[in-house]
Amino acid sequence: MGTGNDQYRLMASLLYPPPKRKVFVSYHHRGDQAYYNAFVEHFADRYEVFTDSSLERAYDSDDDTYVRFQIRSNDIAGTSCTIVLCGANTHERKYVDWEIKATLDKQHGLIGVWLPTLPLLANNGTEKPARLQDNIDSRFAKWIAWGEATVEKLKTTIEAAIASPDSLIVNTRPLRVRNG
């Protein structure tokens, strides 16, 4: 039987649903563009689960410090969560690593979505971006499969990611300097 506080929270969640969150979606543009388009069209446009704040295109600069500053200041700032769409080559992309690092630096929520293109390895794991894997292992980041992502499941996962304790953040890896 729940406590009075649990019952109050349940009533409050029914009367006051969580706000529509501003979310940054990180993905391998060349490899997973079609999944990104479908994800945003379904969850952001049709069902308005979140507002998409993702990069329209890569920054036109060879200065990595400048690009990381732009990602941190223009793309991640103002969001509450980053969703990383994890396909076959996402783990090799430096922009994805930089976006995850900026998310963790700002102590925002972090979610990985297992796309159908990401193969299951012999040990029943997957090859995710290392910084994301560190935070899944620490239980800071959340991990869901593409086929599990319903409107309610995504709303719940976004709220759980935002509520994850900052003390669980693992952000100690050196930055990826090249694509794989």
N, C-alpha and C. Protein backbone atom coordinates (compact mmCIF):
# COMPACT_ATOMS: atom_id res chain seq x y z
N MET A 1 0.85 -1.18 0.00
CA MET A 1 0.00 0.00 0.00
C MET A 1 0.89 1.24 0.00
N GLY A 2 0.57 2.21 -0.81
CA GLY A 2 1.38 3.42 -0.96
C GLY A 2 1.19 4.39 0.18
N THR A 3 2.16 5.26 0.33
CA THR A 3 2.07 6.30 1.36
C THR A 3 1.21 7.44 0.84
N GLY A 4 0.90 8.36 1.73
CA GLY A 4 0.14 9.54 1.33
C GLY A 4 0.89 10.35 0.28
N ASN A 5 2.22 10.40 0.41
CA ASN A 5 3.04 11.11 -0.58
C ASN A 5 2.93 10.47 -1.95
N ASP A 6 2.95 9.12 -2.02
CA ASP A 6 2.82 8.42 -3.29
C ASP A 6 1.48 8.72 -3.94
N GLN A 7 0.43 8.72 -3.15
CA GLN A 7 -0.90 9.01 -3.68
C GLN A 7 -0.99 10.45 -4.17
N TYR A 8 -0.36 11.37 -3.43
CA TYR A 8 -0.35 12.77 -3.85
C TYR A 8 0.38 12.91 -5.18
N ARG A 9 1.55 12.24 -5.32
CA ARG A 9 2.31 12.32 -6.57
C ARG A 9 1.51 11.76 -7.74
N LEU A 10 0.81 10.66 -7.51
CA LEU A 10 -0.01 10.06 -8.56
C LEU A 10 -1.11 11.03 -8.99
N MET A 11 -1.80 11.61 -8.03
CA MET A 11 -2.86 12.58 -8.35
C MET A 11 -2.29 13.77 -9.10
N ALA A 12 -1.15 14.28 -8.63
CA ALA A 12 -0.52 15.43 -9.28
C ALA A 12 -0.11 15.10 -10.71
N SER A 13 0.41 13.87 -10.94
CA SER A 13 0.84 13.50 -12.28
C SER A 13 -0.35 13.37 -13.23
N LEU A 14 -1.50 12.98 -12.69
CA LEU A 14 -2.70 12.87 -13.52
C LEU A 14 -3.28 14.25 -13.83
N LEU A 15 -3.25 15.13 -12.85
CA LEU A 15 -3.80 16.47 -13.04
C LEU A 15 -2.86 17.39 -13.80
N TYR A 16 -1.57 17.21 -13.58
CA TYR A 16 -0.56 18.08 -14.19
C TYR A 16 0.47 17.22 -14.91
N PRO A 17 0.19 16.83 -16.15
CA PRO A 17 1.16 16.00 -16.87
C PRO A 17 2.48 16.74 -17.05
N PRO A 18 3.59 16.00 -17.23
CA PRO A 18 4.87 16.67 -17.39
C PRO A 18 4.85 17.61 -18.60
N PRO A 19 5.61 18.69 -18.53
CA PRO A 19 5.64 19.63 -19.65
C PRO A 19 6.30 19.00 -20.86
N LYS A 20 6.01 19.57 -22.02
CA LYS A 20 6.69 19.12 -23.23
C LYS A 20 8.13 19.59 -23.12
N ARG A 21 9.06 18.66 -23.16
CA ARG A 21 10.48 18.95 -22.94
C ARG A 21 11.16 19.36 -24.24
N LYS A 22 12.17 20.20 -24.10
CA LYS A 22 13.03 20.56 -25.22
C LYS A 22 14.18 19.56 -25.22
N VAL A 23 14.31 18.81 -26.30
CA VAL A 23 15.24 17.69 -26.37
C VAL A 23 16.19 17.87 -27.55
N PHE A 24 17.44 17.48 -27.35
CA PHE A 24 18.42 17.44 -28.42
C PHE A 24 18.54 15.99 -28.87
N VAL A 25 18.45 15.74 -30.18
CA VAL A 25 18.59 14.39 -30.70
C VAL A 25 19.93 14.30 -31.42
N SER A 26 20.78 13.40 -30.94
CA SER A 26 22.11 13.18 -31.50
C SER A 26 22.08 11.88 -32.31
N TYR A 27 22.71 11.90 -33.48
CA TYR A 27 22.69 10.71 -34.33
C TYR A 27 23.76 10.86 -35.42
N HIS A 28 24.05 9.77 -36.10
CA HIS A 28 24.97 9.77 -37.23
C HIS A 28 24.19 10.24 -38.46
N HIS A 29 24.45 11.46 -38.89
CA HIS A 29 23.63 12.07 -39.94
C HIS A 29 23.60 11.25 -41.23
N ARG A 30 24.73 10.80 -41.70
CA ARG A 30 24.74 10.05 -42.96
C ARG A 30 24.12 8.67 -42.79
N GLY A 31 24.39 8.01 -41.66
CA GLY A 31 23.95 6.63 -41.49
C GLY A 31 22.52 6.47 -41.00
N ASP A 32 22.02 7.41 -40.21
CA ASP A 32 20.73 7.21 -39.55
C ASP A 32 19.73 8.33 -39.77
N GLN A 33 19.90 9.08 -40.84
CA GLN A 33 19.00 10.21 -41.13
C GLN A 33 17.54 9.77 -41.23
N ALA A 34 17.28 8.65 -41.87
CA ALA A 34 15.90 8.19 -42.05
C ALA A 34 15.26 7.87 -40.70
N TYR A 35 16.02 7.27 -39.77
CA TYR A 35 15.49 7.00 -38.43
C TYR A 35 15.23 8.30 -37.67
N TYR A 36 16.15 9.24 -37.79
CA TYR A 36 15.95 10.55 -37.15
C TYR A 36 14.66 11.19 -37.68
N ASN A 37 14.51 11.22 -39.00
CA ASN A 37 13.32 11.84 -39.60
C ASN A 37 12.04 11.18 -39.08
N ALA A 38 12.02 9.84 -39.03
CA ALA A 38 10.84 9.12 -38.55
C ALA A 38 10.60 9.38 -37.07
N PHE A 39 11.66 9.40 -36.28
CA PHE A 39 11.57 9.62 -34.83
C PHE A 39 10.98 11.00 -34.53
N VAL A 40 11.53 12.02 -35.16
CA VAL A 40 11.06 13.39 -34.92
C VAL A 40 9.65 13.59 -35.47
N GLU A 41 9.37 13.05 -36.65
CA GLU A 41 8.04 13.20 -37.24
C GLU A 41 6.99 12.57 -36.32
N HIS A 42 7.30 11.40 -35.77
CA HIS A 42 6.34 10.69 -34.92
C HIS A 42 6.21 11.33 -33.54
N PHE A 43 7.35 11.50 -32.84
CA PHE A 43 7.30 11.92 -31.45
C PHE A 43 7.27 13.43 -31.24
N ALA A 44 7.93 14.20 -32.08
CA ALA A 44 7.95 15.66 -31.90
C ALA A 44 6.83 16.33 -32.67
N ASP A 45 6.65 15.95 -33.93
CA ASP A 45 5.66 16.63 -34.77
C ASP A 45 4.24 16.11 -34.54
N ARG A 46 4.03 14.81 -34.65
CA ARG A 46 2.68 14.26 -34.57
C ARG A 46 2.16 14.23 -33.13
N TYR A 47 2.93 13.69 -32.19
CA TYR A 47 2.43 13.51 -30.83
C TYR A 47 2.94 14.55 -29.84
N GLU A 48 3.82 15.43 -30.28
CA GLU A 48 4.32 16.54 -29.47
C GLU A 48 4.84 16.08 -28.11
N VAL A 49 5.58 14.97 -28.09
CA VAL A 49 6.19 14.49 -26.85
C VAL A 49 7.30 15.45 -26.43
N PHE A 50 8.03 15.99 -27.40
CA PHE A 50 9.13 16.91 -27.12
C PHE A 50 9.28 17.89 -28.26
N THR A 51 10.06 18.94 -27.99
CA THR A 51 10.44 19.92 -29.02
C THR A 51 11.87 19.59 -29.41
N ASP A 52 12.11 19.41 -30.70
CA ASP A 52 13.42 19.03 -31.20
C ASP A 52 14.33 20.25 -31.31
N SER A 53 15.53 20.14 -30.74
CA SER A 53 16.49 21.22 -30.76
C SER A 53 17.81 20.77 -31.40
N SER A 54 17.72 19.87 -32.38
CA SER A 54 18.92 19.26 -32.96
C SER A 54 19.56 20.13 -34.02
N LEU A 55 20.83 19.81 -34.28
CA LEU A 55 21.59 20.48 -35.33
C LEU A 55 20.91 20.29 -36.68
N GLU A 56 20.76 21.34 -37.43
CA GLU A 56 20.22 21.22 -38.78
C GLU A 56 21.29 20.65 -39.72
N ARG A 57 22.51 21.06 -39.51
CA ARG A 57 23.64 20.55 -40.29
C ARG A 57 24.91 20.77 -39.48
N ALA A 58 25.96 20.11 -39.89
CA ALA A 58 27.24 20.22 -39.17
C ALA A 58 27.78 21.64 -39.29
N TYR A 59 28.52 22.06 -38.28
CA TYR A 59 29.16 23.37 -38.32
C TYR A 59 30.26 23.36 -39.37
N ASP A 60 30.33 24.42 -40.15
CA ASP A 60 31.30 24.53 -41.23
C ASP A 60 32.59 25.14 -40.68
N SER A 61 33.37 24.31 -39.98
CA SER A 61 34.61 24.79 -39.39
C SER A 61 35.54 23.61 -39.16
N ASP A 62 36.82 23.86 -39.31
CA ASP A 62 37.84 22.86 -38.99
C ASP A 62 38.37 23.04 -37.58
N ASP A 63 37.87 24.04 -36.88
CA ASP A 63 38.31 24.34 -35.52
C ASP A 63 37.44 23.57 -34.53
N ASP A 64 37.96 22.45 -34.02
CA ASP A 64 37.18 21.58 -33.13
C ASP A 64 36.73 22.30 -31.86
N THR A 65 37.58 23.18 -31.33
CA THR A 65 37.22 23.93 -30.12
C THR A 65 36.01 24.82 -30.38
N TYR A 66 36.00 25.48 -31.52
CA TYR A 66 34.87 26.33 -31.92
C TYR A 66 33.60 25.48 -32.06
N VAL A 67 33.70 24.33 -32.72
CA VAL A 67 32.53 23.48 -32.94
C VAL A 67 31.98 22.98 -31.61
N ARG A 68 32.85 22.53 -30.71
CA ARG A 68 32.38 22.06 -29.40
C ARG A 68 31.71 23.19 -28.61
N PHE A 69 32.25 24.42 -28.72
CA PHE A 69 31.64 25.57 -28.06
C PHE A 69 30.25 25.83 -28.63
N GLN A 70 30.10 25.76 -29.94
CA GLN A 70 28.81 25.99 -30.57
C GLN A 70 27.79 24.93 -30.16
N ILE A 71 28.22 23.67 -30.11
CA ILE A 71 27.32 22.59 -29.69
C ILE A 71 26.85 22.85 -28.26
N ARG A 72 27.79 23.16 -27.38
CA ARG A 72 27.48 23.38 -25.96
C ARG A 72 26.59 24.62 -25.78
N SER A 73 26.90 25.70 -26.48
CA SER A 73 26.21 26.98 -26.27
C SER A 73 24.92 27.12 -27.06
N ASN A 74 24.87 26.59 -28.27
CA ASN A 74 23.72 26.81 -29.14
C ASN A 74 22.76 25.64 -29.22
N ASP A 75 23.27 24.43 -29.03
CA ASP A 75 22.43 23.26 -29.27
C ASP A 75 21.98 22.58 -27.98
N ILE A 76 22.91 22.35 -27.05
CA ILE A 76 22.59 21.65 -25.81
C ILE A 76 21.98 22.61 -24.78
N ALA A 77 22.47 23.85 -24.74
CA ALA A 77 21.93 24.85 -23.80
C ALA A 77 20.43 25.02 -24.06
N GLY A 78 19.67 25.07 -23.00
CA GLY A 78 18.23 25.27 -23.13
C GLY A 78 17.43 23.99 -23.28
N THR A 79 18.11 22.86 -23.43
CA THR A 79 17.40 21.59 -23.49
C THR A 79 17.42 20.96 -22.10
N SER A 80 16.65 19.91 -21.92
CA SER A 80 16.67 19.21 -20.64
C SER A 80 17.16 17.78 -20.79
N CYS A 81 17.29 17.32 -22.03
CA CYS A 81 17.65 15.92 -22.25
C CYS A 81 18.23 15.76 -23.65
N THR A 82 19.14 14.81 -23.81
CA THR A 82 19.66 14.43 -25.12
C THR A 82 19.29 12.98 -25.37
N ILE A 83 18.76 12.72 -26.56
CA ILE A 83 18.45 11.36 -26.99
C ILE A 83 19.45 11.01 -28.09
N VAL A 84 20.20 9.92 -27.90
CA VAL A 84 21.18 9.47 -28.86
C VAL A 84 20.59 8.29 -29.62
N LEU A 85 20.37 8.47 -30.92
CA LEU A 85 19.91 7.36 -31.76
C LEU A 85 21.14 6.53 -32.13
N CYS A 86 21.20 5.29 -31.68
CA CYS A 86 22.40 4.46 -31.83
C CYS A 86 22.23 3.44 -32.95
N GLY A 87 22.86 3.73 -34.07
CA GLY A 87 22.89 2.82 -35.21
C GLY A 87 24.25 2.15 -35.32
N ALA A 88 24.48 1.51 -36.44
CA ALA A 88 25.68 0.68 -36.64
C ALA A 88 26.99 1.44 -36.46
N ASN A 89 27.06 2.71 -36.86
CA ASN A 89 28.32 3.45 -36.80
C ASN A 89 28.30 4.66 -35.87
N THR A 90 27.25 4.81 -35.09
CA THR A 90 27.13 5.96 -34.20
C THR A 90 28.30 6.04 -33.23
N HIS A 91 28.76 4.91 -32.75
CA HIS A 91 29.85 4.88 -31.75
C HIS A 91 31.16 5.45 -32.30
N GLU A 92 31.28 5.61 -33.61
CA GLU A 92 32.52 6.11 -34.23
C GLU A 92 32.49 7.61 -34.52
N ARG A 93 31.42 8.30 -34.21
CA ARG A 93 31.24 9.69 -34.62
C ARG A 93 31.68 10.67 -33.53
N LYS A 94 32.60 11.57 -33.89
CA LYS A 94 33.12 12.52 -32.90
C LYS A 94 32.04 13.53 -32.48
N TYR A 95 31.20 13.99 -33.40
CA TYR A 95 30.15 14.94 -33.02
C TYR A 95 29.23 14.32 -31.97
N VAL A 96 28.88 13.05 -32.13
CA VAL A 96 28.01 12.38 -31.16
C VAL A 96 28.69 12.38 -29.79
N ASP A 97 29.98 12.04 -29.75
CA ASP A 97 30.72 12.06 -28.48
C ASP A 97 30.71 13.46 -27.88
N TRP A 98 30.95 14.48 -28.69
CA TRP A 98 30.97 15.86 -28.19
C TRP A 98 29.60 16.27 -27.66
N GLU A 99 28.54 15.84 -28.34
CA GLU A 99 27.18 16.18 -27.90
C GLU A 99 26.85 15.49 -26.58
N ILE A 100 27.29 14.24 -26.42
CA ILE A 100 27.07 13.54 -25.16
C ILE A 100 27.86 14.22 -24.05
N LYS A 101 29.11 14.57 -24.31
CA LYS A 101 29.94 15.25 -23.30
C LYS A 101 29.29 16.56 -22.87
N ALA A 102 28.85 17.37 -23.83
CA ALA A 102 28.21 18.65 -23.50
C ALA A 102 26.95 18.43 -22.68
N THR A 103 26.18 17.40 -23.00
CA THR A 103 24.98 17.05 -22.24
C THR A 103 25.34 16.75 -20.79
N LEU A 104 26.37 15.93 -20.60
CA LEU A 104 26.78 15.55 -19.24
C LEU A 104 27.39 16.73 -18.49
N ASP A 105 28.15 17.57 -19.19
CA ASP A 105 28.71 18.77 -18.55
C ASP A 105 27.60 19.65 -18.00
N LYS A 106 26.47 19.71 -18.70
CA LYS A 106 25.34 20.54 -18.27
C LYS A 106 24.41 19.78 -17.33
N GLN A 107 24.72 18.51 -17.05
CA GLN A 107 23.95 17.66 -16.15
C GLN A 107 22.50 17.50 -16.63
N HIS A 108 22.33 17.36 -17.94
CA HIS A 108 21.02 17.11 -18.52
C HIS A 108 20.78 15.61 -18.60
N GLY A 109 19.54 15.21 -18.80
CA GLY A 109 19.21 13.81 -18.95
C GLY A 109 19.82 13.23 -20.22
N LEU A 110 20.03 11.91 -20.24
CA LEU A 110 20.65 11.23 -21.38
C LEU A 110 19.95 9.90 -21.63
N ILE A 111 19.54 9.70 -22.89
CA ILE A 111 18.85 8.47 -23.29
C ILE A 111 19.50 7.95 -24.56
N GLY A 112 19.72 6.64 -24.60
CA GLY A 112 20.16 5.98 -25.83
C GLY A 112 19.00 5.18 -26.40
N VAL A 113 18.83 5.25 -27.73
CA VAL A 113 17.79 4.47 -28.40
C VAL A 113 18.48 3.50 -29.35
N TRP A 114 18.25 2.23 -29.15
CA TRP A 114 18.85 1.15 -29.94
C TRP A 114 18.09 1.04 -31.26
N LEU A 115 18.72 1.52 -32.34
CA LEU A 115 18.11 1.43 -33.66
C LEU A 115 18.24 0.01 -34.22
N PRO A 116 17.34 -0.38 -35.12
CA PRO A 116 17.41 -1.72 -35.72
C PRO A 116 18.72 -1.99 -36.47
N THR A 117 19.44 -0.95 -36.87
CA THR A 117 20.70 -1.14 -37.60
C THR A 117 21.88 -1.47 -36.68
N LEU A 118 21.70 -1.36 -35.36
CA LEU A 118 22.78 -1.64 -34.41
C LEU A 118 22.77 -3.13 -34.09
N PRO A 119 23.82 -3.85 -34.53
CA PRO A 119 23.82 -5.31 -34.33
C PRO A 119 24.04 -5.71 -32.87
N LEU A 120 23.46 -6.84 -32.53
CA LEU A 120 23.69 -7.45 -31.23
C LEU A 120 25.01 -8.22 -31.32
N LEU A 121 25.90 -8.00 -30.36
CA LEU A 121 27.21 -8.65 -30.37
C LEU A 121 27.13 -10.04 -29.72
N ALA A 122 28.20 -10.80 -29.84
CA ALA A 122 28.24 -12.16 -29.31
C ALA A 122 27.96 -12.21 -27.81
N ASN A 123 28.35 -11.17 -27.07
CA ASN A 123 28.12 -11.15 -25.61
C ASN A 123 26.77 -10.54 -25.24
N ASN A 124 25.87 -10.43 -26.21
CA ASN A 124 24.53 -9.85 -26.05
C ASN A 124 24.57 -8.36 -25.74
N GLY A 125 25.68 -7.71 -26.06
CA GLY A 125 25.78 -6.26 -25.91
C GLY A 125 25.69 -5.60 -27.28
N THR A 126 25.89 -4.29 -27.28
CA THR A 126 25.90 -3.52 -28.51
C THR A 126 27.07 -2.54 -28.46
N GLU A 127 27.48 -2.07 -29.61
CA GLU A 127 28.59 -1.12 -29.67
C GLU A 127 28.02 0.30 -29.72
N LYS A 128 27.87 0.88 -28.53
CA LYS A 128 27.34 2.23 -28.37
C LYS A 128 28.50 3.21 -28.24
N PRO A 129 28.24 4.51 -28.35
CA PRO A 129 29.28 5.48 -28.01
C PRO A 129 29.77 5.20 -26.59
N ALA A 130 31.09 5.18 -26.40
CA ALA A 130 31.69 4.78 -25.12
C ALA A 130 31.20 5.64 -23.95
N ARG A 131 31.08 6.95 -24.18
CA ARG A 131 30.63 7.85 -23.10
C ARG A 131 29.18 7.55 -22.72
N LEU A 132 28.36 7.19 -23.68
CA LEU A 132 26.98 6.78 -23.40
C LEU A 132 26.99 5.47 -22.61
N GLN A 133 27.81 4.51 -23.04
CA GLN A 133 27.88 3.22 -22.35
C GLN A 133 28.30 3.40 -20.89
N ASP A 134 29.29 4.27 -20.65
CA ASP A 134 29.71 4.54 -19.27
C ASP A 134 28.53 4.96 -18.41
N ASN A 135 27.65 5.78 -18.97
CA ASN A 135 26.54 6.34 -18.20
C ASN A 135 25.34 5.40 -18.14
N ILE A 136 25.23 4.49 -19.07
CA ILE A 136 24.24 3.41 -18.93
C ILE A 136 24.70 2.48 -17.81
N ASP A 137 26.01 2.16 -17.82
CA ASP A 137 26.56 1.29 -16.78
C ASP A 137 26.42 1.90 -15.38
N SER A 138 26.57 3.23 -15.27
CA SER A 138 26.45 3.89 -13.96
C SER A 138 24.99 4.10 -13.55
N ARG A 139 24.07 3.83 -14.47
CA ARG A 139 22.63 3.98 -14.28
C ARG A 139 22.17 5.44 -14.34
N PHE A 140 23.04 6.33 -14.87
CA PHE A 140 22.60 7.71 -15.10
C PHE A 140 21.75 7.77 -16.36
N ALA A 141 22.26 7.21 -17.46
CA ALA A 141 21.56 7.25 -18.75
C ALA A 141 20.56 6.10 -18.85
N LYS A 142 19.53 6.33 -19.63
CA LYS A 142 18.50 5.32 -19.88
C LYS A 142 18.72 4.72 -21.27
N TRP A 143 18.25 3.49 -21.48
CA TRP A 143 18.47 2.77 -22.73
C TRP A 143 17.18 2.09 -23.13
N ILE A 144 16.67 2.40 -24.32
CA ILE A 144 15.45 1.74 -24.81
C ILE A 144 15.67 1.32 -26.26
N ALA A 145 14.92 0.32 -26.67
CA ALA A 145 14.99 -0.16 -28.05
C ALA A 145 13.98 0.60 -28.91
N TRP A 146 14.32 0.78 -30.17
CA TRP A 146 13.48 1.47 -31.14
C TRP A 146 12.05 0.92 -31.09
N GLY A 147 11.88 -0.37 -31.09
CA GLY A 147 10.55 -0.99 -31.11
C GLY A 147 9.77 -0.80 -29.83
N GLU A 148 10.44 -0.44 -28.73
CA GLU A 148 9.77 -0.19 -27.44
C GLU A 148 9.30 1.25 -27.29
N ALA A 149 9.74 2.12 -28.17
CA ALA A 149 9.51 3.55 -28.01
C ALA A 149 8.08 3.93 -28.41
N THR A 150 7.19 3.87 -27.44
CA THR A 150 5.83 4.36 -27.62
C THR A 150 5.77 5.78 -27.06
N VAL A 151 4.70 6.46 -27.29
CA VAL A 151 4.54 7.82 -26.78
C VAL A 151 4.70 7.84 -25.26
N GLU A 152 3.96 6.98 -24.57
CA GLU A 152 4.02 6.97 -23.10
C GLU A 152 5.38 6.52 -22.59
N LYS A 153 5.96 5.50 -23.23
CA LYS A 153 7.27 5.00 -22.80
C LYS A 153 8.33 6.10 -22.97
N LEU A 154 8.28 6.83 -24.07
CA LEU A 154 9.28 7.88 -24.29
C LEU A 154 9.08 9.03 -23.30
N LYS A 155 7.84 9.42 -23.05
CA LYS A 155 7.58 10.47 -22.04
C LYS A 155 8.14 10.05 -20.68
N THR A 156 7.85 8.83 -20.28
CA THR A 156 8.30 8.32 -18.99
C THR A 156 9.83 8.24 -18.94
N THR A 157 10.44 7.80 -20.03
CA THR A 157 11.90 7.67 -20.07
C THR A 157 12.57 9.04 -20.04
N ILE A 158 12.02 10.02 -20.73
CA ILE A 158 12.57 11.38 -20.68
C ILE A 158 12.51 11.91 -19.25
N GLU A 159 11.39 11.75 -18.59
CA GLU A 159 11.27 12.24 -17.21
C GLU A 159 12.22 11.50 -16.27
N ALA A 160 12.38 10.20 -16.46
CA ALA A 160 13.31 9.42 -15.62
C ALA A 160 14.75 9.86 -15.87
N ALA A 161 15.09 10.13 -17.13
CA ALA A 161 16.45 10.57 -17.45
C ALA A 161 16.74 11.93 -16.80
N ILE A 162 15.79 12.83 -16.86
CA ILE A 162 15.96 14.16 -16.27
C ILE A 162 16.11 14.06 -14.75
N ALA A 163 15.43 13.09 -14.15
CA ALA A 163 15.46 12.92 -12.70
C ALA A 163 16.67 12.12 -12.20
N SER A 164 17.48 11.57 -13.10
CA SER A 164 18.64 10.78 -12.68
C SER A 164 19.58 11.64 -11.84
N PRO A 165 20.09 11.09 -10.73
CA PRO A 165 21.00 11.86 -9.87
C PRO A 165 22.30 12.22 -10.59
N ASP A 166 22.69 13.48 -10.51
CA ASP A 166 23.92 13.95 -11.15
C ASP A 166 25.15 13.21 -10.63
N SER A 167 25.07 12.68 -9.42
CA SER A 167 26.21 11.96 -8.84
C SER A 167 26.56 10.70 -9.63
N LEU A 168 25.66 10.23 -10.49
CA LEU A 168 25.91 9.03 -11.29
C LEU A 168 26.62 9.33 -12.61
N ILE A 169 26.80 10.60 -12.95
CA ILE A 169 27.42 10.98 -14.22
C ILE A 169 28.87 10.52 -14.27
N VAL A 170 29.23 9.90 -15.39
CA VAL A 170 30.61 9.50 -15.67
C VAL A 170 31.00 10.20 -16.97
N ASN A 171 31.95 11.15 -16.86
CA ASN A 171 32.31 11.96 -18.02
C ASN A 171 33.83 12.18 -18.04
N THR A 172 34.57 11.08 -17.88
CA THR A 172 36.02 11.18 -17.71
C THR A 172 36.83 10.80 -18.94
N ARG A 173 36.19 10.29 -19.95
CA ARG A 173 36.92 9.86 -21.16
C ARG A 173 37.48 11.07 -21.91
N PRO A 174 38.63 10.89 -22.56
CA PRO A 174 39.10 11.95 -23.45
C PRO A 174 38.13 12.10 -24.62
N LEU A 175 38.05 13.32 -25.15
CA LEU A 175 37.18 13.57 -26.31
C LEU A 175 37.65 12.78 -27.53
N ARG A 176 36.70 12.29 -28.28
CA ARG A 176 37.01 11.66 -29.56
C ARG A 176 37.49 12.77 -30.49
N VAL A 177 38.63 12.55 -31.15
CA VAL A 177 39.20 13.58 -32.02
C VAL A 177 39.00 13.31 -33.50
N ARG A 178 38.64 12.08 -33.85
CA ARG A 178 38.33 11.75 -35.26
C ARG A 178 37.18 10.76 -35.33
N ASN A 179 36.59 10.72 -36.48
CA ASN A 179 35.57 9.71 -36.73
C ASN A 179 36.25 8.37 -37.00
N GLY A 180 35.56 7.29 -36.69
CA GLY A 180 36.13 5.95 -36.86
C GLY A 180 36.14 5.52 -38.29
